[in-house]
Protein backbone atom coordinates (compact mmCIF):
# COMPACT_ATOMS: atom_id res chain seq x y z
CA UNK A 1 0.00 0.00 0.00
CA UNK A 2 3.01 2.29 0.47
CA UNK A 3 4.58 3.91 -2.59
CA UNK A 4 5.64 7.24 -1.12
CA UNK A 5 9.39 6.59 -0.92
CA UNK A 6 11.90 3.76 -0.79
CA UNK A 7 13.37 5.59 2.21
CA UNK A 8 10.31 4.58 4.23
CA UNK A 9 10.62 0.82 3.78
CA UNK A 10 11.54 -1.72 6.47
CA UNK A 11 15.09 -3.00 6.83
CA UNK A 12 15.89 -6.07 4.77
CA UNK A 13 16.15 -9.12 7.11
CA UNK A 14 19.72 -10.13 6.11
CA UNK A 15 20.84 -6.57 6.84
CA UNK A 16 19.17 -6.65 10.25
CA UNK A 17 20.84 -9.99 10.92
CA UNK A 18 24.21 -8.50 9.99
CA UNK A 19 23.69 -5.68 12.49
CA UNK A 20 22.90 -8.22 15.20
CA UNK A 21 25.98 -10.26 14.30
CA UNK A 22 28.14 -7.17 14.74
CA UNK A 23 26.67 -6.46 18.17
CA UNK A 24 29.65 -7.33 20.31
CA UNK A 25 32.79 -5.55 21.45
CA UNK A 26 35.29 -4.57 18.78
CA UNK A 27 37.43 -1.54 17.96
CA UNK A 28 35.69 1.83 17.65
CA UNK A 29 35.15 4.20 14.75
CA UNK A 30 36.41 2.46 11.59
CA UNK A 31 39.00 0.24 13.24
CA UNK A 32 36.76 -2.81 13.47
CA UNK A 33 36.92 -6.03 11.51
CA UNK A 34 33.89 -5.16 9.36
CA UNK A 35 35.19 -1.76 8.28
CA UNK A 36 38.51 -3.38 7.43
CA UNK A 37 36.75 -5.57 4.83
CA UNK A 38 34.92 -2.81 2.99
CA UNK A 39 37.72 -1.91 0.54
CA UNK A 40 38.24 -5.53 -0.44
CA UNK A 41 34.55 -6.27 -0.83
CA UNK A 42 34.01 -3.32 -3.15
CA UNK A 43 37.22 -4.11 -5.04
CA UNK A 44 35.82 -7.59 -5.74
CA UNK A 45 32.45 -6.17 -6.77
CA UNK A 46 33.93 -3.61 -9.16
CA UNK A 47 36.83 -5.74 -10.39
CA UNK A 48 39.40 -3.04 -9.60
CA UNK A 49 41.11 -1.63 -6.51
CA UNK A 50 38.61 0.55 -4.65
CA UNK A 51 39.06 2.82 -1.63
CA UNK A 52 35.79 3.13 0.26
CA UNK A 53 34.47 4.68 3.46
CA UNK A 54 31.07 4.45 5.09
CA UNK A 55 29.14 7.64 5.86
CA UNK A 56 25.87 8.41 7.56
CA UNK A 57 23.78 9.52 4.59
CA UNK A 58 23.60 10.03 0.86
CA UNK A 59 23.84 13.78 1.32
CA UNK A 60 27.09 13.32 3.22
CA UNK A 61 28.43 10.92 0.59
CA UNK A 62 27.63 13.30 -2.27
CA UNK A 63 28.97 16.37 -0.51
CA UNK A 64 32.17 14.77 0.74
CA UNK A 65 32.85 13.33 -2.71
CA UNK A 66 32.44 16.75 -4.28
CA UNK A 67 34.65 18.35 -1.64
CA UNK A 68 37.39 15.91 -2.70
CA UNK A 69 36.93 16.69 -6.39
CA UNK A 70 36.27 20.43 -6.42
CA UNK A 71 38.07 23.34 -4.69
CA UNK A 72 36.13 26.20 -3.06
CA UNK A 73 36.58 28.46 -6.09
CA UNK A 74 35.43 25.79 -8.57
CA UNK A 75 32.15 24.82 -10.14
CA UNK A 76 30.22 21.54 -10.34
CA UNK A 77 28.27 20.85 -13.52
CA UNK A 78 25.04 18.99 -12.73
CA UNK A 79 21.41 18.71 -13.77
CA UNK A 80 19.11 21.47 -12.62
CA UNK A 81 16.88 18.89 -10.90
CA UNK A 82 19.70 16.89 -9.32
CA UNK A 83 19.36 15.96 -5.68
CA UNK A 84 22.44 18.05 -4.87
CA UNK A 85 20.64 21.10 -6.28
CA UNK A 86 17.06 20.59 -5.09
CA UNK A 87 17.12 18.42 -1.98
CA UNK A 88 20.35 18.82 -0.01
CA UNK A 89 19.88 22.23 1.61
CA UNK A 90 23.10 23.63 0.18
CA UNK A 91 25.22 20.81 1.62
CA UNK A 92 27.64 20.65 -1.36
CA UNK A 93 28.46 24.34 -0.94
CA UNK A 94 28.82 23.87 2.82
CA UNK A 95 31.22 20.93 2.52
CA UNK A 96 33.25 22.42 -0.34
CA UNK A 97 33.50 25.78 1.49
CA UNK A 98 31.82 27.63 -1.34
CA UNK A 99 32.07 25.74 -4.63
CA UNK A 100 29.34 26.71 -7.08
CA UNK A 101 26.75 24.37 -8.52
CA UNK A 102 26.29 24.92 -12.26
CA UNK A 103 22.80 23.54 -13.03
CA UNK A 104 22.02 22.47 -16.60
CA UNK A 105 18.86 21.27 -18.38
CA UNK A 106 18.39 17.81 -19.82
CA UNK A 107 15.59 15.43 -20.70
CA UNK A 108 14.73 12.96 -17.96
CA UNK A 109 17.01 14.79 -15.50
CA UNK A 110 20.05 13.46 -17.39
CA UNK A 111 23.04 15.46 -18.55
CA UNK A 112 24.10 15.24 -22.19
CA UNK A 113 27.64 15.87 -23.49
CA UNK A 114 26.38 18.58 -25.85
CA UNK A 115 24.85 20.64 -23.05
CA UNK A 116 27.95 20.18 -20.88
CA UNK A 117 30.20 21.20 -23.79
CA UNK A 118 28.17 24.37 -24.39
CA UNK A 119 28.46 25.38 -20.75
CA UNK A 120 32.19 24.72 -20.67
CA UNK A 121 32.73 26.74 -23.83
CA UNK A 122 30.97 29.72 -22.23
CA UNK A 123 33.39 29.89 -19.28
CA UNK A 124 36.20 32.36 -19.88
CA UNK A 125 39.67 31.19 -18.79
CA UNK A 126 40.33 34.17 -16.54
CA UNK A 127 40.21 34.73 -12.79
CA UNK A 128 36.88 36.55 -12.93
CA UNK A 129 34.77 33.48 -13.63
CA UNK A 130 34.17 30.25 -11.76
CA UNK A 131 36.06 27.43 -13.49
CA UNK A 132 34.37 24.05 -13.80
CA UNK A 133 36.19 21.41 -11.78
CA UNK A 134 33.71 18.52 -11.57
CA UNK A 135 30.67 16.90 -13.14
CA UNK A 136 28.02 15.19 -11.01
CA UNK A 137 25.39 12.84 -12.44
CA UNK A 138 22.64 10.81 -10.77
CA UNK A 139 22.21 7.09 -11.49
CA UNK A 140 19.28 6.47 -11.76
CA UNK A 141 18.23 10.08 -12.33
CA UNK A 142 15.65 12.03 -10.39
CA UNK A 143 13.07 10.87 -12.95
CA UNK A 144 14.14 7.24 -12.75
CA UNK A 145 16.09 7.38 -16.01
CA UNK A 146 19.24 5.31 -16.38
CA UNK A 147 22.54 6.32 -17.98
CA UNK A 148 23.93 3.58 -20.22
CA UNK A 149 27.64 2.79 -20.04
CA UNK A 150 28.16 4.64 -23.33
CA UNK A 151 26.38 7.72 -21.98
CA UNK A 152 28.51 7.72 -18.83
CA UNK A 153 31.64 7.16 -20.92
CA UNK A 154 30.82 10.15 -23.13
CA UNK A 155 30.67 12.35 -20.04
CA UNK A 156 33.75 10.64 -18.62
CA UNK A 157 35.73 11.39 -21.77
CA UNK A 158 34.64 15.01 -21.61
CA UNK A 159 35.64 15.21 -17.96
CA UNK A 160 39.11 13.84 -18.77
CA UNK A 161 39.55 16.21 -21.71
CA UNK A 162 38.82 19.21 -19.49
CA UNK A 163 40.55 18.02 -16.32
CA UNK A 164 37.31 17.55 -14.38
CA UNK A 165 36.42 14.99 -11.76
CA UNK A 166 33.33 12.84 -12.40
CA UNK A 167 31.04 12.01 -9.50
CA UNK A 168 28.04 9.69 -9.61
CA UNK A 169 25.22 10.01 -7.09
CA UNK A 170 24.23 6.34 -6.91
CA UNK A 171 21.39 6.49 -4.41
CA UNK A 172 19.61 4.06 -6.77
CA UNK A 173 22.73 2.68 -8.42
CA UNK A 174 21.59 -0.90 -7.78
CA UNK A 175 18.33 -0.26 -9.65
CA UNK A 176 20.27 1.17 -12.59
CA UNK A 177 22.60 -1.84 -12.77
CA UNK A 178 19.65 -4.21 -12.50
CA UNK A 179 17.99 -2.44 -15.42
CA UNK A 180 21.11 -2.43 -17.58
CA UNK A 181 22.17 -5.97 -16.76
CA UNK A 182 25.79 -4.85 -16.91
CA UNK A 183 28.78 -5.26 -14.65
CA UNK A 184 29.01 -2.48 -12.04
CA UNK A 185 32.44 -1.60 -13.46
CA UNK A 186 31.04 -0.91 -16.93
CA UNK A 187 28.99 2.06 -15.79
CA UNK A 188 31.51 3.47 -13.28
CA UNK A 189 35.31 3.42 -13.41
CA UNK A 190 35.55 1.89 -16.88
CA UNK A 191 33.42 4.80 -18.07
CA UNK A 192 35.50 7.42 -16.26
CA UNK A 193 33.77 7.79 -12.89
CA UNK A 194 36.15 8.95 -10.12
CA UNK A 195 33.78 8.83 -7.13
CA UNK A 196 30.55 6.94 -6.51
CA UNK A 197 28.01 7.44 -3.75
CA UNK A 198 26.81 3.84 -3.44
CA UNK A 199 23.29 3.78 -2.04
CA UNK A 200 22.20 1.23 0.54
CA UNK A 201 19.33 2.69 2.57
CA UNK A 202 16.88 2.92 -0.34
CA UNK A 203 17.73 -0.69 -1.18
CA UNK A 204 16.98 -2.24 2.22
CA UNK A 205 19.57 -0.78 4.58
CA UNK A 206 18.89 0.86 7.94
CA UNK A 207 21.44 3.68 7.99
CA UNK A 208 24.67 4.39 6.22
CA UNK A 209 25.92 4.64 2.65
CA UNK A 210 29.27 3.96 1.01
CA UNK A 211 31.53 6.48 -0.72
CA UNK A 212 33.84 4.85 -3.27
CA UNK A 213 36.90 6.21 -5.05
CA UNK A 214 38.44 4.70 -8.18
CA UNK A 215 41.68 5.26 -10.05
CA UNK A 216 45.24 6.17 -9.14
CA UNK A 217 44.20 8.96 -6.76
CA UNK A 218 41.70 6.81 -4.87
CA UNK A 219 43.70 6.36 -1.66
CA UNK A 220 44.57 10.05 -1.33
CA UNK A 221 40.97 11.02 -1.97
CA UNK A 222 39.64 8.47 0.49
CA UNK A 223 42.04 9.77 3.14
CA UNK A 224 40.78 13.29 2.48
CA UNK A 225 37.20 12.06 2.60
CA UNK A 226 37.88 10.46 5.99
CA UNK A 227 38.95 13.89 7.28
CA UNK A 228 35.76 15.46 5.93
CA UNK A 229 33.73 12.67 7.53
CA UNK A 230 35.23 13.40 10.94
CA UNK A 231 35.08 17.19 10.59
CA UNK A 232 31.40 17.07 9.63
CA UNK A 233 30.38 14.79 12.49
CA UNK A 234 29.73 11.70 10.36
CA UNK A 235 32.38 9.43 11.89
CA UNK A 236 30.24 7.06 13.95
CA UNK A 237 31.97 5.76 17.07
CA UNK A 238 30.49 2.31 16.44
CA UNK A 239 31.00 2.23 12.71
CA UNK A 240 30.92 -1.55 12.59
CA UNK A 241 27.12 -1.40 12.43
CA UNK A 242 27.28 0.61 9.20
CA UNK A 243 30.05 -1.52 7.72
CA UNK A 244 28.19 -4.74 8.57
CA UNK A 245 25.12 -3.54 6.68
CA UNK A 246 27.14 -2.61 3.60
CA UNK A 247 28.94 -5.95 3.60
CA UNK A 248 25.65 -7.83 3.92
CA UNK A 249 24.47 -6.02 0.81
CA UNK A 250 27.47 -6.54 -1.44
CA UNK A 251 29.24 -9.76 -0.41
CA UNK A 252 26.41 -11.71 -2.04
CA UNK A 253 23.77 -10.72 -4.57
CA UNK A 254 21.44 -9.07 -2.05
CA UNK A 255 22.00 -5.54 -3.39
CA UNK A 256 21.15 -6.64 -6.93
CA UNK A 257 18.30 -9.01 -6.02
CA UNK A 258 16.63 -6.29 -3.96
CA UNK A 259 16.89 -3.85 -6.84
CA UNK A 260 15.53 -6.38 -9.30
CA UNK A 261 12.48 -6.92 -7.12
CA UNK A 262 11.82 -3.18 -6.89
CA UNK A 263 12.31 -2.75 -10.64
CA UNK A 264 9.97 -5.66 -11.40
CA UNK A 265 7.31 -4.09 -9.20
CA UNK A 266 7.69 -0.78 -11.03
CA UNK A 267 7.32 -2.51 -14.39
CA UNK A 268 4.14 -4.24 -13.24
CA UNK A 269 2.66 -0.86 -12.34
CA UNK A 270 3.88 0.73 -15.55
CA UNK A 271 2.12 -1.93 -17.60
CA UNK A 272 -1.13 -1.00 -15.86
CA UNK A 273 -1.05 2.66 -16.95
CA UNK A 274 1.14 2.99 -20.07
CA UNK A 275 -0.76 6.03 -21.36
CA UNK A 276 -0.31 7.92 -18.09
CA UNK A 277 3.48 7.66 -17.90
CA UNK A 278 5.40 10.93 -18.03
CA UNK A 279 8.78 9.21 -18.38
CA UNK A 280 9.98 5.75 -19.40
CA UNK A 281 10.22 3.47 -16.37
CA UNK A 282 13.82 2.24 -16.12
CA UNK A 283 14.33 1.80 -12.38
CA UNK A 284 11.90 1.81 -9.45
CA UNK A 285 10.16 5.16 -9.92
CA UNK A 286 7.08 6.01 -11.95
CA UNK A 287 5.88 9.49 -12.80
CA UNK A 288 2.26 9.39 -13.87
CA UNK A 289 -0.54 11.75 -14.78
CA UNK A 290 -3.14 11.79 -12.01
CA UNK A 291 -5.93 14.30 -11.56
CA UNK A 292 -6.89 15.44 -8.08
CA UNK A 293 -9.92 13.15 -8.29
CA UNK A 294 -7.73 10.21 -9.37
CA UNK A 295 -5.34 10.81 -6.50
CA UNK A 296 -8.17 11.07 -3.97
CA UNK A 297 -9.71 7.84 -5.29
CA UNK A 298 -6.45 5.93 -4.86
CA UNK A 299 -5.78 7.36 -1.41
CA UNK A 300 -9.27 6.44 -0.28
CA UNK A 301 -8.30 2.84 -1.05
CA UNK A 302 -5.22 3.12 1.18
CA UNK A 303 -2.49 3.72 -1.40
CA UNK A 304 0.06 6.46 -0.68
CA UNK A 305 2.37 8.28 -3.11
CA UNK A 306 3.94 11.68 -3.62
CA UNK A 307 2.18 14.50 -5.47
CA UNK A 308 4.51 15.76 -8.20
CA UNK A 309 3.14 19.16 -9.06
CA UNK A 310 -0.36 19.68 -10.40
CA UNK A 311 -1.84 16.69 -12.17
CA UNK A 312 1.04 14.30 -11.58
CA UNK A 313 2.37 11.86 -8.99
CA UNK A 314 5.56 10.02 -8.20
CA UNK A 315 5.20 6.34 -7.30
CA UNK A 316 8.20 4.50 -5.84
CA UNK A 317 8.49 0.76 -5.43
CA UNK A 318 10.98 -0.95 -3.13
CA UNK A 319 12.94 -4.11 -2.33
CA UNK A 320 10.10 -5.69 -0.34
CA UNK A 321 7.72 -5.70 -3.31
CA UNK A 322 7.48 -7.57 -6.58
CA UNK A 323 5.09 -7.87 -9.48
CA UNK A 324 2.63 -10.00 -7.51
CA UNK A 325 2.56 -7.86 -4.37
CA UNK A 326 1.76 -4.66 -6.29
CA UNK A 327 -1.12 -6.29 -8.20
CA UNK A 328 -3.82 -4.54 -6.08
CA UNK A 329 -2.32 -1.13 -6.83
CA UNK A 330 -1.95 -2.01 -10.51
CA UNK A 331 -5.61 -2.95 -10.60
CA UNK A 332 -6.60 0.27 -8.85
CA UNK A 333 -4.57 2.32 -11.32
CA UNK A 334 -6.04 0.44 -14.27
CA UNK A 335 -9.56 0.99 -12.96
CA UNK A 336 -9.11 4.78 -13.09
CA UNK A 337 -9.41 4.64 -16.88
CA UNK A 338 -12.64 2.65 -16.75
CA UNK A 339 -14.65 4.74 -14.34
C-alpha cells in the first residue's frame, strides 16, 4: 500500500541480521573487523582496486565526494533537478566551502555531453569566472532514467579532456545496474567515474551509505574524505554497524536481487497505466498523470504516493515488493481509466 518513498521501507532481514551479528565488542570508529573488509569487498564487486568509506547519509556521501573533487573556487556541472541542487539544503556548498553548482537542463534529469560542452565553452579562462572542476550525475536520475555505459563514458571522456572529476550520485545505483544488466564496473570506473556514492538505505539498509573512489588517486581522496567525515560529524563511534550492513548487501547478490524486485514491481505498475506515464520506467520510480480526483480515489483505497506538481504523482516501489505484491495497486490504477 506504500509507494511514497523507498526511504520509508523496512530494513531487509539479512541486513538486520548483519547488524545483530556485529553487536559485540570490537574496535571503535572504523578500526573494526567489518570496516577493514569494505575496501576488499568493493574491489571484488567492481573488479578493480577501490578505496571506500562508510558515511551516515547520501547527502554526506555526495557532498564529501564533491569536496574531494572540487576546490572552493570551482564549479560543479550537474542537472538542474539533481538531488544536490534541489534536496540537499546547500550541503555541497557547505562541505566544499563555497564551490558553485552549475545547473544544466536535460531530458529525464540526465546530462548530455552537448549541453555540458556548451556550458564549458561559455566559461572564460580568466580569474573573474568560476572554473568548472567537476561533473556530477545521478544514477538512476531524479526521474528514474538510467545512464547507459556509453552515456557515462561520453561524459567521462569530456571530464578527462577538461581536467574535471566525475562524481556519480548512486542512491539508486543498484536499480540502474539491475535495469542495464551490466557489470558495475562498466557504468563506473571503466566509463571514467572517479567517485561513486553507493546507495544502501533505499535498497533495504537501515542507515549508512558507502563512498567509493576509483583510479590512481583513490587512496589520497579516500584519506581526504575520511577527514571530511570526521570534521562534519559523520564518523560514527560504532562504525561496525554501518560496515556490517554494507557488507551484507554486497558480499552476495542481495544488493542486486533487492533492486531487481523493486524494478519488477515498477514494471508491473507501468504496464497498468502505459498512457499515463510521463517518463519511461527504467528503475523503481514512476511518474504518472493523475488528476486530483484520481489521486483522492487511490488514497481512499489506502495507497500512498507523492504528489509531483499539479496533475502528476511520483510512485516508488521498493525491495520488499514484486510484481505480484503490487497487483492490487496495478488494478486500482487500471480501474481509473474505466470509471
